[in-house]
Amino acid sequence: MLREHGRRVPEDVAVVGFDDSSAASACRPPLTTVRQPVEDMAAEMAGLLLDRLAAPDGPATSVIFEPVLVVRDSA
């Protein structure tokens, strides 16, 4: 759509996505994006759920996962 309006990526507009789906690398130009460790997040969530089921009154737990910036040609 940007190209249809005479805009060039990344010369005129920088575009960054979030999720690093397969579409990000298939775009023209390939899209810079943020990758999340989805498999690690799912495994941790399952473990936290099992912990909660074993100890329903236990303390709440918070886990922070580091995202990764995947730089491609759009930024």
Foldseek 3Di string as FASTA:
>chain_A
DCVVVVDDFPVRPAAEEEDPDPVQVVDVVRHWYKHWPVVVVVVVVVVVVVVCVVPVPDDDDDDDTDIDTRDTRRD
